[in-house]
């Protein structure tokens, strides 16, 4: 199961360290309004269901501290080959094409031990930043 903060599921982007810090900065700046996960690995293996519109999540840093709250605006589960350019752009990470998005994601998922094929189900989550959390 995913950790909870104040009863809300957490959103941990990328891997701990520089990647997570960069992705979180994109969310906080408003550039990143979407993220993708592998249905089987990121959800089913964790005993979690995909997010639902209206659900609020706590964005966490590398120390698993809450730094912001986001609200899910839409969720689509599609085969990897069907992820759209619109979604790739909403991830806000500077992709130059859909092929570039696919290459980067395949490389990332491979680095964390997940084989992804064109038919692999991907959870495409759109969200909006609700607010930041004060750090103690």
Protein backbone atom coordinates (compact mmCIF):
# COMPACT_ATOMS: atom_id res chain seq x y z
CA UNK A 1 0.00 0.00 0.00
CA UNK A 2 0.99 3.59 -0.58
CA UNK A 3 1.72 5.69 2.48
CA UNK A 4 -1.02 8.03 3.70
CA UNK A 5 -0.68 11.54 5.10
CA UNK A 6 -3.69 13.03 6.88
CA UNK A 7 -5.76 10.18 5.42
CA UNK A 8 -4.78 11.00 1.81
CA UNK A 9 -2.78 8.75 -0.48
CA UNK A 10 0.63 10.06 -1.41
CA UNK A 11 2.03 10.90 -4.82
CA UNK A 12 5.72 10.09 -5.18
CA UNK A 13 7.11 11.16 -8.53
CA UNK A 14 10.16 9.46 -10.02
CA UNK A 15 12.87 7.98 -7.84
CA UNK A 16 14.19 9.43 -4.60
CA UNK A 17 16.77 12.17 -5.04
CA UNK A 18 17.41 14.60 -7.87
CA UNK A 19 14.73 13.22 -10.18
CA UNK A 20 11.99 13.53 -7.56
CA UNK A 21 13.14 17.03 -6.59
CA UNK A 22 13.05 18.13 -10.24
CA UNK A 23 9.63 16.59 -10.91
CA UNK A 24 8.23 18.13 -7.72
CA UNK A 25 9.56 21.54 -8.75
CA UNK A 26 7.67 21.18 -12.04
CA UNK A 27 4.44 20.49 -10.14
CA UNK A 28 5.00 23.44 -7.80
CA UNK A 29 5.67 25.75 -10.76
CA UNK A 30 2.49 24.61 -12.52
CA UNK A 31 4.39 23.13 -15.48
CA UNK A 32 3.60 19.51 -14.60
CA UNK A 33 -0.11 18.63 -14.46
CA UNK A 34 0.04 14.93 -15.28
CA UNK A 35 1.91 11.75 -14.45
CA UNK A 36 1.95 8.18 -15.74
CA UNK A 37 2.19 4.87 -13.93
CA UNK A 38 2.19 1.21 -14.89
CA UNK A 39 -1.12 -0.33 -13.81
CA UNK A 40 0.32 -3.69 -12.79
CA UNK A 41 3.52 -2.50 -11.07
CA UNK A 42 2.53 0.83 -9.56
CA UNK A 43 -1.01 -0.06 -8.55
CA UNK A 44 -1.97 -3.75 -8.51
CA UNK A 45 1.35 -4.92 -7.01
CA UNK A 46 0.90 -2.26 -4.29
CA UNK A 47 -2.71 -3.29 -3.58
CA UNK A 48 -3.96 0.11 -4.81
CA UNK A 49 -6.64 1.16 -7.26
CA UNK A 50 -6.02 3.98 -9.73
CA UNK A 51 -6.88 7.49 -8.64
CA UNK A 52 -10.34 8.90 -9.33
CA UNK A 53 -11.34 12.42 -10.38
CA UNK A 54 -11.81 14.63 -7.34
CA UNK A 55 -9.42 12.60 -5.20
CA UNK A 56 -6.78 14.60 -3.38
CA UNK A 57 -3.21 13.36 -3.04
CA UNK A 58 -0.26 14.56 -1.00
CA UNK A 59 2.85 15.16 -3.10
CA UNK A 60 5.88 13.95 -1.16
CA UNK A 61 9.57 14.72 -1.27
CA UNK A 62 12.47 12.27 -1.02
CA UNK A 63 12.06 12.13 2.78
CA UNK A 64 8.37 11.21 2.33
CA UNK A 65 7.30 14.54 3.80
CA UNK A 66 4.24 16.19 2.29
CA UNK A 67 5.07 19.29 0.27
CA UNK A 68 1.83 19.97 -1.61
CA UNK A 69 -1.66 18.75 -2.25
CA UNK A 70 -3.02 18.02 -5.71
CA UNK A 71 -6.49 17.16 -6.93
CA UNK A 72 -6.99 14.54 -9.62
CA UNK A 73 -8.92 15.98 -12.56
CA UNK A 74 -9.01 12.94 -14.87
CA UNK A 75 -7.69 9.41 -15.16
CA UNK A 76 -7.37 7.25 -18.26
CA UNK A 77 -6.02 3.73 -18.47
CA UNK A 78 -4.64 3.08 -21.93
CA UNK A 79 -2.12 0.79 -23.59
CA UNK A 80 1.37 2.33 -23.70
CA UNK A 81 1.11 2.69 -27.49
CA UNK A 82 -2.08 4.77 -27.07
CA UNK A 83 -0.73 7.47 -24.74
CA UNK A 84 -1.39 10.79 -26.46
CA UNK A 85 0.86 13.74 -27.25
CA UNK A 86 -1.54 15.91 -25.24
CA UNK A 87 -0.83 13.79 -22.18
CA UNK A 88 2.93 13.78 -22.79
CA UNK A 89 2.91 17.58 -22.98
CA UNK A 90 0.89 17.81 -19.72
CA UNK A 91 3.69 15.95 -17.96
CA UNK A 92 5.63 19.20 -18.41
CA UNK A 93 9.06 17.60 -18.69
CA UNK A 94 10.11 19.14 -22.00
CA UNK A 95 9.45 16.28 -24.37
CA UNK A 96 10.01 17.21 -28.00
CA UNK A 97 7.73 14.53 -29.45
CA UNK A 98 5.61 11.58 -28.46
CA UNK A 99 8.47 9.28 -29.50
CA UNK A 100 10.76 11.19 -27.10
CA UNK A 101 8.20 10.75 -24.27
CA UNK A 102 7.98 7.02 -25.02
CA UNK A 103 11.78 6.57 -25.10
CA UNK A 104 12.28 8.39 -21.79
CA UNK A 105 9.51 6.43 -20.07
CA UNK A 106 10.68 3.08 -21.41
CA UNK A 107 14.18 3.84 -20.14
CA UNK A 108 12.87 4.93 -16.72
CA UNK A 109 10.62 1.91 -16.26
CA UNK A 110 13.42 -0.41 -17.36
CA UNK A 111 15.72 1.22 -14.76
CA UNK A 112 13.23 0.33 -12.01
CA UNK A 113 12.78 -3.24 -13.25
CA UNK A 114 9.54 -2.87 -15.20
CA UNK A 115 9.31 -4.18 -18.74
CA UNK A 116 6.78 -2.14 -20.71
CA UNK A 117 5.41 -3.12 -24.11
CA UNK A 118 2.96 -1.39 -26.45
CA UNK A 119 0.09 -3.32 -24.83
CA UNK A 120 1.06 -2.60 -21.20
CA UNK A 121 -1.70 -0.67 -19.40
CA UNK A 122 -0.61 2.82 -18.34
CA UNK A 123 -2.52 4.96 -15.85
CA UNK A 124 -2.54 8.54 -17.13
CA UNK A 125 -3.40 10.90 -14.28
CA UNK A 126 -4.13 14.61 -14.78
CA UNK A 127 -4.13 16.80 -11.68
CA UNK A 128 -4.09 20.38 -10.49
CA UNK A 129 -2.09 21.90 -7.68
CA UNK A 130 -4.36 22.75 -4.77
CA UNK A 131 -1.76 24.22 -2.44
CA UNK A 132 1.58 23.78 -0.75
CA UNK A 133 2.19 22.47 2.75
CA UNK A 134 4.31 24.22 5.33
CA UNK A 135 7.52 22.43 6.27
CA UNK A 136 8.54 22.16 9.91
